Amino acid sequence: MGELHDALLAGGYHGHKLEVLLVRILFCLFAEDTAIFEKNAFQEFLEAQTRPDGTDVGTRLAEWFSILDQAPGERQRHLPDYLAQLPYVNGALFTEYFPFPSFDAALRERLIRCTYFDWSRISPAIFGSLFQSVTDPVKRRNLGAHYTSEANILKVIQGLFLDELR
């Protein structure tokens, strides 16, 4: 992911849109390794549904992310199976639109290489921190959406009822 980040940055893709893109990709990598998606769905999508030269990866990712942001009842009826089987991901991670980066063969290959890592070993708590970092601070404050670490949550609920349960 670090190499992917650096390559996108070197290609002129930066700022908020880069951060959001990487969080979305990280979510997809985690989702295919934890049964949120079908096993290897993201990897197979990248390998089979994008051109080897990488020229369509940005467009194809935009399509993939758009479907994740739509409840099944709101989707078009004649989607290809690799898109139709995707779950709806609420929480607005995939809602914001921005131009996607240009990929080439090497950048596509870096992204595909990320799919070979077992992302299920990553703590889900990291996503709260990442989501907060890519959300507009004003919107986040208005929604009351603030990441709270597992340690801080346990500090609160420990005395309320966990101690008695244990």
N, C-alpha and C. Protein backbone atom coordinates (compact mmCIF):
# COMPACT_ATOMS: atom_id res chain seq x y z
N MET A 1 0.83 -1.19 0.00
CA MET A 1 0.00 0.00 0.00
C MET A 1 0.87 1.25 0.00
N GLY A 2 2.00 1.17 0.67
CA GLY A 2 2.92 2.31 0.67
C GLY A 2 3.45 2.62 -0.72
N GLU A 3 3.82 1.56 -1.45
CA GLU A 3 4.30 1.75 -2.82
C GLU A 3 3.20 2.32 -3.71
N LEU A 4 1.99 1.82 -3.52
CA LEU A 4 0.85 2.32 -4.30
C LEU A 4 0.64 3.80 -4.01
N HIS A 5 0.65 4.16 -2.74
CA HIS A 5 0.51 5.56 -2.33
C HIS A 5 1.56 6.43 -3.00
N ASP A 6 2.82 6.00 -2.88
CA ASP A 6 3.91 6.80 -3.42
C ASP A 6 3.83 6.94 -4.94
N ALA A 7 3.44 5.87 -5.62
CA ALA A 7 3.32 5.92 -7.07
C ALA A 7 2.18 6.84 -7.50
N LEU A 8 1.05 6.79 -6.80
CA LEU A 8 -0.07 7.69 -7.12
C LEU A 8 0.34 9.14 -6.86
N LEU A 9 1.02 9.37 -5.76
CA LEU A 9 1.49 10.72 -5.42
C LEU A 9 2.47 11.23 -6.47
N ALA A 10 3.40 10.39 -6.87
CA ALA A 10 4.38 10.78 -7.88
C ALA A 10 3.71 11.07 -9.22
N GLY A 11 2.57 10.43 -9.46
CA GLY A 11 1.82 10.67 -10.69
C GLY A 11 0.94 11.90 -10.64
N GLY A 12 0.97 12.64 -9.53
CA GLY A 12 0.20 13.88 -9.42
C GLY A 12 -1.16 13.73 -8.76
N TYR A 13 -1.45 12.57 -8.21
CA TYR A 13 -2.73 12.34 -7.53
C TYR A 13 -2.46 12.50 -6.04
N HIS A 14 -3.06 13.50 -5.40
CA HIS A 14 -2.68 13.82 -4.02
C HIS A 14 -3.86 14.38 -3.24
N GLY A 15 -3.59 14.64 -1.98
CA GLY A 15 -4.57 15.29 -1.11
C GLY A 15 -5.71 14.37 -0.68
N HIS A 16 -6.83 14.98 -0.43
CA HIS A 16 -8.01 14.28 0.09
C HIS A 16 -8.43 13.13 -0.82
N LYS A 17 -8.42 13.35 -2.12
CA LYS A 17 -8.88 12.30 -3.02
C LYS A 17 -7.95 11.09 -2.96
N LEU A 18 -6.66 11.28 -2.78
CA LEU A 18 -5.73 10.16 -2.63
C LEU A 18 -6.02 9.41 -1.34
N GLU A 19 -6.23 10.14 -0.25
CA GLU A 19 -6.51 9.50 1.03
C GLU A 19 -7.79 8.67 0.97
N VAL A 20 -8.83 9.23 0.37
CA VAL A 20 -10.11 8.51 0.27
C VAL A 20 -9.95 7.27 -0.62
N LEU A 21 -9.28 7.43 -1.74
CA LEU A 21 -9.06 6.29 -2.64
C LEU A 21 -8.35 5.16 -1.91
N LEU A 22 -7.32 5.47 -1.16
CA LEU A 22 -6.57 4.42 -0.46
C LEU A 22 -7.40 3.76 0.63
N VAL A 23 -8.23 4.52 1.33
CA VAL A 23 -9.10 3.92 2.34
C VAL A 23 -10.12 3.01 1.67
N ARG A 24 -10.67 3.43 0.54
CA ARG A 24 -11.62 2.59 -0.19
C ARG A 24 -10.96 1.29 -0.66
N ILE A 25 -9.77 1.42 -1.19
CA ILE A 25 -9.05 0.22 -1.63
C ILE A 25 -8.75 -0.68 -0.45
N LEU A 26 -8.29 -0.10 0.65
CA LEU A 26 -8.01 -0.89 1.85
C LEU A 26 -9.26 -1.61 2.33
N PHE A 27 -10.40 -0.93 2.31
CA PHE A 27 -11.64 -1.58 2.70
C PHE A 27 -11.91 -2.78 1.79
N CYS A 28 -11.75 -2.62 0.49
CA CYS A 28 -12.02 -3.71 -0.45
C CYS A 28 -11.07 -4.88 -0.23
N LEU A 29 -9.82 -4.59 0.06
CA LEU A 29 -8.84 -5.64 0.33
C LEU A 29 -9.23 -6.41 1.60
N PHE A 30 -9.61 -5.68 2.62
CA PHE A 30 -10.04 -6.29 3.88
C PHE A 30 -11.34 -7.08 3.67
N ALA A 31 -12.26 -6.51 2.90
CA ALA A 31 -13.57 -7.14 2.70
C ALA A 31 -13.48 -8.48 1.99
N GLU A 32 -12.56 -8.61 1.05
CA GLU A 32 -12.46 -9.89 0.34
C GLU A 32 -11.75 -10.95 1.18
N ASP A 33 -11.02 -10.55 2.19
CA ASP A 33 -10.35 -11.51 3.06
C ASP A 33 -11.12 -11.83 4.33
N THR A 34 -12.25 -11.16 4.54
CA THR A 34 -13.05 -11.39 5.75
C THR A 34 -14.48 -11.77 5.44
N ALA A 35 -14.75 -12.18 4.21
CA ALA A 35 -16.06 -12.68 3.77
C ALA A 35 -17.14 -11.60 3.68
N ILE A 36 -16.75 -10.33 3.66
CA ILE A 36 -17.72 -9.28 3.34
C ILE A 36 -18.02 -9.35 1.85
N PHE A 37 -16.98 -9.57 1.06
CA PHE A 37 -17.10 -9.85 -0.37
C PHE A 37 -16.88 -11.35 -0.55
N GLU A 38 -17.22 -11.84 -1.73
CA GLU A 38 -16.85 -13.20 -2.08
C GLU A 38 -15.32 -13.29 -2.06
N LYS A 39 -14.80 -14.47 -1.75
CA LYS A 39 -13.35 -14.67 -1.68
C LYS A 39 -12.69 -14.25 -2.99
N ASN A 40 -11.68 -13.41 -2.89
CA ASN A 40 -10.89 -12.92 -4.03
C ASN A 40 -11.68 -12.10 -5.04
N ALA A 41 -12.83 -11.58 -4.66
CA ALA A 41 -13.66 -10.82 -5.61
C ALA A 41 -12.95 -9.58 -6.14
N PHE A 42 -12.29 -8.85 -5.28
CA PHE A 42 -11.61 -7.62 -5.71
C PHE A 42 -10.41 -7.97 -6.59
N GLN A 43 -9.66 -8.97 -6.18
CA GLN A 43 -8.51 -9.41 -6.96
C GLN A 43 -8.95 -9.87 -8.35
N GLU A 44 -9.96 -10.72 -8.41
CA GLU A 44 -10.44 -11.21 -9.71
C GLU A 44 -11.00 -10.08 -10.56
N PHE A 45 -11.68 -9.13 -9.93
CA PHE A 45 -12.17 -7.96 -10.65
C PHE A 45 -11.01 -7.21 -11.30
N LEU A 46 -9.98 -6.94 -10.54
CA LEU A 46 -8.84 -6.19 -11.08
C LEU A 46 -8.13 -6.96 -12.19
N GLU A 47 -7.94 -8.26 -11.98
CA GLU A 47 -7.22 -9.06 -12.96
C GLU A 47 -8.02 -9.32 -14.23
N ALA A 48 -9.32 -9.56 -14.08
CA ALA A 48 -10.12 -9.95 -15.24
C ALA A 48 -10.88 -8.81 -15.90
N GLN A 49 -11.18 -7.75 -15.15
CA GLN A 49 -12.05 -6.71 -15.68
C GLN A 49 -11.32 -5.40 -15.99
N THR A 50 -10.00 -5.39 -15.83
CA THR A 50 -9.23 -4.21 -16.20
C THR A 50 -8.18 -4.60 -17.23
N ARG A 51 -7.83 -3.66 -18.06
CA ARG A 51 -6.84 -3.91 -19.12
C ARG A 51 -5.44 -4.05 -18.53
N PRO A 52 -4.63 -4.93 -19.09
CA PRO A 52 -3.25 -5.09 -18.61
C PRO A 52 -2.43 -3.79 -18.67
N ASP A 53 -2.76 -2.90 -19.59
CA ASP A 53 -2.01 -1.64 -19.67
C ASP A 53 -2.45 -0.63 -18.61
N GLY A 54 -3.53 -0.96 -17.86
CA GLY A 54 -3.98 -0.13 -16.74
C GLY A 54 -4.80 1.08 -17.11
N THR A 55 -5.01 1.34 -18.38
CA THR A 55 -5.65 2.58 -18.79
C THR A 55 -7.10 2.72 -18.33
N ASP A 56 -7.76 1.62 -18.00
CA ASP A 56 -9.15 1.71 -17.58
C ASP A 56 -9.36 1.44 -16.08
N VAL A 57 -8.29 1.29 -15.33
CA VAL A 57 -8.43 0.95 -13.90
C VAL A 57 -9.19 2.02 -13.13
N GLY A 58 -8.88 3.29 -13.33
CA GLY A 58 -9.59 4.36 -12.63
C GLY A 58 -11.08 4.32 -12.90
N THR A 59 -11.47 4.17 -14.16
CA THR A 59 -12.87 4.10 -14.55
C THR A 59 -13.56 2.89 -13.94
N ARG A 60 -12.87 1.76 -13.97
CA ARG A 60 -13.45 0.52 -13.44
C ARG A 60 -13.59 0.59 -11.92
N LEU A 61 -12.62 1.20 -11.24
CA LEU A 61 -12.74 1.38 -9.79
C LEU A 61 -13.93 2.28 -9.46
N ALA A 62 -14.12 3.33 -10.25
CA ALA A 62 -15.25 4.23 -10.03
C ALA A 62 -16.56 3.45 -10.13
N GLU A 63 -16.66 2.57 -11.10
CA GLU A 63 -17.86 1.75 -11.28
C GLU A 63 -18.05 0.81 -10.08
N TRP A 64 -17.00 0.14 -9.65
CA TRP A 64 -17.03 -0.78 -8.51
C TRP A 64 -17.49 -0.04 -7.25
N PHE A 65 -16.86 1.12 -6.99
CA PHE A 65 -17.20 1.90 -5.79
C PHE A 65 -18.63 2.42 -5.85
N SER A 66 -19.09 2.80 -7.02
CA SER A 66 -20.46 3.29 -7.19
C SER A 66 -21.47 2.21 -6.81
N ILE A 67 -21.22 0.98 -7.21
CA ILE A 67 -22.12 -0.12 -6.89
C ILE A 67 -22.13 -0.38 -5.38
N LEU A 68 -20.98 -0.30 -4.73
CA LEU A 68 -20.92 -0.50 -3.28
C LEU A 68 -21.74 0.54 -2.53
N ASP A 69 -21.95 1.69 -3.14
CA ASP A 69 -22.71 2.78 -2.51
C ASP A 69 -24.20 2.70 -2.80
N GLN A 70 -24.65 1.68 -3.52
CA GLN A 70 -26.06 1.55 -3.89
C GLN A 70 -26.68 0.32 -3.23
N ALA A 71 -27.82 0.53 -2.59
CA ALA A 71 -28.57 -0.60 -2.05
C ALA A 71 -29.03 -1.47 -3.23
N PRO A 72 -29.14 -2.78 -3.03
CA PRO A 72 -29.51 -3.66 -4.14
C PRO A 72 -30.78 -3.23 -4.89
N GLY A 73 -31.77 -2.70 -4.20
CA GLY A 73 -33.00 -2.27 -4.84
C GLY A 73 -32.85 -1.04 -5.72
N GLU A 74 -31.75 -0.31 -5.55
CA GLU A 74 -31.50 0.91 -6.32
C GLU A 74 -30.60 0.66 -7.53
N ARG A 75 -30.07 -0.53 -7.65
CA ARG A 75 -29.12 -0.84 -8.72
C ARG A 75 -29.84 -1.18 -10.02
N GLN A 76 -29.13 -0.99 -11.12
CA GLN A 76 -29.64 -1.43 -12.41
C GLN A 76 -29.83 -2.94 -12.39
N ARG A 77 -30.77 -3.43 -13.15
CA ARG A 77 -31.10 -4.85 -13.11
C ARG A 77 -30.15 -5.73 -13.91
N HIS A 78 -29.45 -5.17 -14.86
CA HIS A 78 -28.65 -6.00 -15.77
C HIS A 78 -27.16 -5.80 -15.56
N LEU A 79 -26.75 -5.80 -14.30
CA LEU A 79 -25.33 -5.67 -13.99
C LEU A 79 -24.62 -7.00 -14.22
N PRO A 80 -23.36 -6.95 -14.60
CA PRO A 80 -22.59 -8.19 -14.67
C PRO A 80 -22.51 -8.82 -13.28
N ASP A 81 -22.36 -10.14 -13.23
CA ASP A 81 -22.34 -10.86 -11.96
C ASP A 81 -21.30 -10.33 -10.98
N TYR A 82 -20.11 -9.96 -11.47
CA TYR A 82 -19.06 -9.51 -10.57
C TYR A 82 -19.44 -8.21 -9.85
N LEU A 83 -20.38 -7.44 -10.41
CA LEU A 83 -20.87 -6.24 -9.73
C LEU A 83 -22.15 -6.53 -8.95
N ALA A 84 -23.05 -7.31 -9.53
CA ALA A 84 -24.34 -7.60 -8.88
C ALA A 84 -24.16 -8.29 -7.53
N GLN A 85 -23.12 -9.08 -7.37
CA GLN A 85 -22.91 -9.82 -6.12
C GLN A 85 -22.32 -8.98 -5.01
N LEU A 86 -21.95 -7.73 -5.30
CA LEU A 86 -21.36 -6.88 -4.27
C LEU A 86 -22.40 -6.45 -3.24
N PRO A 87 -22.01 -6.39 -1.98
CA PRO A 87 -22.94 -5.92 -0.95
C PRO A 87 -23.04 -4.39 -0.97
N TYR A 88 -24.09 -3.89 -0.38
CA TYR A 88 -24.22 -2.45 -0.15
C TYR A 88 -23.39 -2.11 1.08
N VAL A 89 -22.59 -1.06 0.99
CA VAL A 89 -21.77 -0.62 2.11
C VAL A 89 -22.28 0.75 2.54
N ASN A 90 -23.05 0.75 3.63
CA ASN A 90 -23.57 2.04 4.09
C ASN A 90 -22.49 2.79 4.85
N GLY A 91 -22.77 4.00 5.23
CA GLY A 91 -21.80 4.80 5.97
C GLY A 91 -21.10 5.84 5.13
N ALA A 92 -21.43 5.93 3.86
CA ALA A 92 -20.96 6.99 2.95
C ALA A 92 -19.48 6.91 2.56
N LEU A 93 -18.82 5.78 2.84
CA LEU A 93 -17.43 5.65 2.42
C LEU A 93 -17.29 5.78 0.91
N PHE A 94 -18.28 5.32 0.16
CA PHE A 94 -18.18 5.31 -1.30
C PHE A 94 -19.05 6.38 -1.96
N THR A 95 -19.57 7.32 -1.19
CA THR A 95 -20.49 8.31 -1.72
C THR A 95 -19.81 9.46 -2.45
N GLU A 96 -18.77 10.01 -1.86
CA GLU A 96 -18.13 11.19 -2.44
C GLU A 96 -17.52 10.87 -3.80
N TYR A 97 -17.81 11.73 -4.77
CA TYR A 97 -17.23 11.54 -6.11
C TYR A 97 -16.05 12.47 -6.29
N PHE A 98 -15.04 11.98 -6.93
CA PHE A 98 -13.90 12.79 -7.33
C PHE A 98 -13.25 12.10 -8.52
N PRO A 99 -12.50 12.84 -9.32
CA PRO A 99 -11.83 12.22 -10.47
C PRO A 99 -10.85 11.14 -10.01
N PHE A 100 -10.80 10.06 -10.77
CA PHE A 100 -9.91 8.97 -10.41
C PHE A 100 -8.57 9.14 -11.09
N PRO A 101 -7.52 8.55 -10.51
CA PRO A 101 -6.19 8.71 -11.09
C PRO A 101 -6.04 7.92 -12.38
N SER A 102 -5.06 8.31 -13.14
CA SER A 102 -4.67 7.55 -14.32
C SER A 102 -3.72 6.44 -13.88
N PHE A 103 -3.98 5.26 -14.38
CA PHE A 103 -3.11 4.12 -14.08
C PHE A 103 -2.35 3.73 -15.34
N ASP A 104 -1.23 3.08 -15.13
CA ASP A 104 -0.52 2.44 -16.22
C ASP A 104 -0.33 0.98 -15.80
N ALA A 105 0.39 0.21 -16.60
CA ALA A 105 0.56 -1.22 -16.31
C ALA A 105 1.25 -1.44 -14.96
N ALA A 106 2.28 -0.65 -14.67
CA ALA A 106 3.03 -0.82 -13.42
C ALA A 106 2.17 -0.48 -12.20
N LEU A 107 1.38 0.57 -12.29
CA LEU A 107 0.52 0.97 -11.17
C LEU A 107 -0.60 -0.06 -10.97
N ARG A 108 -1.14 -0.56 -12.06
CA ARG A 108 -2.15 -1.63 -11.97
C ARG A 108 -1.55 -2.85 -11.28
N GLU A 109 -0.34 -3.20 -11.65
CA GLU A 109 0.33 -4.36 -11.05
C GLU A 109 0.57 -4.14 -9.56
N ARG A 110 0.93 -2.93 -9.15
CA ARG A 110 1.10 -2.64 -7.72
C ARG A 110 -0.20 -2.85 -6.96
N LEU A 111 -1.29 -2.38 -7.56
CA LEU A 111 -2.60 -2.55 -6.92
C LEU A 111 -2.96 -4.03 -6.82
N ILE A 112 -2.76 -4.77 -7.88
CA ILE A 112 -3.06 -6.20 -7.85
C ILE A 112 -2.19 -6.92 -6.82
N ARG A 113 -0.92 -6.54 -6.71
CA ARG A 113 -0.04 -7.15 -5.71
C ARG A 113 -0.59 -6.97 -4.30
N CYS A 114 -1.25 -5.85 -4.05
CA CYS A 114 -1.86 -5.62 -2.72
C CYS A 114 -2.91 -6.67 -2.39
N THR A 115 -3.54 -7.24 -3.40
CA THR A 115 -4.59 -8.23 -3.15
C THR A 115 -4.04 -9.57 -2.68
N TYR A 116 -2.74 -9.79 -2.82
CA TYR A 116 -2.14 -11.07 -2.42
C TYR A 116 -1.81 -11.15 -0.94
N PHE A 117 -1.85 -10.03 -0.25
CA PHE A 117 -1.62 -10.00 1.19
C PHE A 117 -2.89 -10.44 1.91
N ASP A 118 -2.76 -11.10 3.06
CA ASP A 118 -3.93 -11.50 3.85
C ASP A 118 -4.34 -10.34 4.75
N TRP A 119 -5.30 -9.55 4.27
CA TRP A 119 -5.73 -8.35 4.99
C TRP A 119 -6.63 -8.66 6.18
N SER A 120 -7.05 -9.91 6.34
CA SER A 120 -7.89 -10.27 7.49
C SER A 120 -7.12 -10.16 8.79
N ARG A 121 -5.80 -10.13 8.71
CA ARG A 121 -4.97 -10.02 9.92
C ARG A 121 -4.90 -8.59 10.44
N ILE A 122 -5.41 -7.63 9.68
CA ILE A 122 -5.40 -6.23 10.10
C ILE A 122 -6.58 -5.99 11.05
N SER A 123 -6.33 -5.29 12.13
CA SER A 123 -7.39 -5.01 13.09
C SER A 123 -8.45 -4.09 12.48
N PRO A 124 -9.73 -4.45 12.60
CA PRO A 124 -10.78 -3.58 12.09
C PRO A 124 -10.79 -2.20 12.75
N ALA A 125 -10.19 -2.09 13.92
CA ALA A 125 -10.15 -0.79 14.62
C ALA A 125 -9.41 0.26 13.80
N ILE A 126 -8.51 -0.18 12.94
CA ILE A 126 -7.77 0.78 12.13
C ILE A 126 -8.68 1.55 11.18
N PHE A 127 -9.79 0.92 10.78
CA PHE A 127 -10.69 1.58 9.84
C PHE A 127 -11.36 2.80 10.45
N GLY A 128 -11.71 2.74 11.71
CA GLY A 128 -12.32 3.91 12.36
C GLY A 128 -11.41 5.12 12.28
N SER A 129 -10.17 4.89 12.58
CA SER A 129 -9.18 5.97 12.51
C SER A 129 -9.01 6.47 11.08
N LEU A 130 -8.94 5.54 10.12
CA LEU A 130 -8.78 5.93 8.72
C LEU A 130 -10.00 6.68 8.21
N PHE A 131 -11.19 6.19 8.53
CA PHE A 131 -12.41 6.85 8.06
C PHE A 131 -12.48 8.27 8.60
N GLN A 132 -12.13 8.43 9.86
CA GLN A 132 -12.16 9.77 10.44
C GLN A 132 -11.17 10.68 9.73
N SER A 133 -10.03 10.15 9.35
CA SER A 133 -9.01 10.99 8.73
C SER A 133 -9.40 11.47 7.34
N VAL A 134 -10.30 10.77 6.66
CA VAL A 134 -10.67 11.18 5.30
C VAL A 134 -12.03 11.87 5.24
N THR A 135 -12.69 11.99 6.38
CA THR A 135 -13.98 12.66 6.41
C THR A 135 -13.78 14.15 6.67
N ASP A 136 -14.52 14.97 5.97
CA ASP A 136 -14.46 16.41 6.16
C ASP A 136 -14.73 16.72 7.64
N PRO A 137 -13.83 17.48 8.30
CA PRO A 137 -13.98 17.74 9.73
C PRO A 137 -15.30 18.41 10.10
N VAL A 138 -15.80 19.33 9.28
CA VAL A 138 -17.07 20.00 9.59
C VAL A 138 -18.23 19.01 9.51
N LYS A 139 -18.27 18.22 8.45
CA LYS A 139 -19.32 17.20 8.33
C LYS A 139 -19.24 16.20 9.47
N ARG A 140 -18.03 15.78 9.80
CA ARG A 140 -17.83 14.81 10.87
C ARG A 140 -18.35 15.38 12.19
N ARG A 141 -18.06 16.65 12.46
CA ARG A 141 -18.51 17.28 13.70
C ARG A 141 -20.03 17.39 13.72
N ASN A 142 -20.63 17.78 12.59
CA ASN A 142 -22.09 17.91 12.51
C ASN A 142 -22.79 16.56 12.70
N LEU A 143 -22.17 15.50 12.23
CA LEU A 143 -22.75 14.17 12.38
C LEU A 143 -22.44 13.55 13.73
N GLY A 144 -21.50 14.13 14.44
CA GLY A 144 -21.07 13.53 15.70
C GLY A 144 -20.27 12.26 15.47
N ALA A 145 -19.65 12.16 14.31
CA ALA A 145 -18.91 10.96 13.94
C ALA A 145 -17.45 11.12 14.33
N HIS A 146 -17.09 10.52 15.42
CA HIS A 146 -15.71 10.59 15.89
C HIS A 146 -15.25 9.20 16.24
N TYR A 147 -14.08 8.85 15.78
CA TYR A 147 -13.53 7.53 16.07
C TYR A 147 -13.15 7.44 17.53
N THR A 148 -13.55 6.36 18.17
CA THR A 148 -13.18 6.09 19.55
C THR A 148 -12.45 4.76 19.56
N SER A 149 -11.26 4.76 20.09
CA SER A 149 -10.45 3.53 20.10
C SER A 149 -11.11 2.47 20.98
N GLU A 150 -10.76 1.22 20.69
CA GLU A 150 -11.27 0.11 21.48
C GLU A 150 -10.89 0.27 22.95
N ALA A 151 -9.68 0.72 23.22
CA ALA A 151 -9.24 0.90 24.60
C ALA A 151 -10.12 1.92 25.33
N ASN A 152 -10.47 3.02 24.67
CA ASN A 152 -11.32 4.03 25.31
C ASN A 152 -12.75 3.54 25.47
N ILE A 153 -13.25 2.77 24.53
CA ILE A 153 -14.59 2.20 24.67
C ILE A 153 -14.63 1.26 25.87
N LEU A 154 -13.60 0.43 26.00
CA LEU A 154 -13.55 -0.50 27.13
C LEU A 154 -13.47 0.23 28.46
N LYS A 155 -12.79 1.37 28.51
CA LYS A 155 -12.73 2.15 29.75
C LYS A 155 -14.14 2.54 30.21
N VAL A 156 -15.00 2.85 29.26
CA VAL A 156 -16.36 3.29 29.60
C VAL A 156 -17.25 2.10 29.95
N ILE A 157 -17.24 1.07 29.12
CA ILE A 157 -18.20 -0.02 29.33
C ILE A 157 -17.74 -1.05 30.36
N GLN A 158 -16.44 -1.03 30.68
CA GLN A 158 -15.91 -1.97 31.68
C GLN A 158 -16.70 -1.85 32.98
N GLY A 159 -16.73 -0.64 33.53
CA GLY A 159 -17.40 -0.43 34.81
C GLY A 159 -18.91 -0.47 34.72
N LEU A 160 -19.47 -0.14 33.55
CA LEU A 160 -20.91 -0.13 33.40
C LEU A 160 -21.52 -1.53 33.47
N PHE A 161 -20.92 -2.49 32.77
CA PHE A 161 -21.50 -3.83 32.82
C PHE A 161 -20.54 -4.99 32.53
N LEU A 162 -19.39 -4.72 31.95
CA LEU A 162 -18.49 -5.83 31.64
C LEU A 162 -17.93 -6.50 32.88
N ASP A 163 -17.60 -5.69 33.92
CA ASP A 163 -17.07 -6.28 35.14
C ASP A 163 -18.06 -7.27 35.74
N GLU A 164 -19.33 -6.92 35.76
CA GLU A 164 -20.36 -7.82 36.31
C GLU A 164 -20.51 -9.07 35.46
N LEU A 165 -20.46 -8.90 34.15
CA LEU A 165 -20.57 -10.07 33.27
C LEU A 165 -19.43 -11.04 33.46
N ARG A 166 -18.26 -10.49 33.68
CA ARG A 166 -17.09 -11.36 33.87
C ARG A 166 -17.14 -12.01 35.24
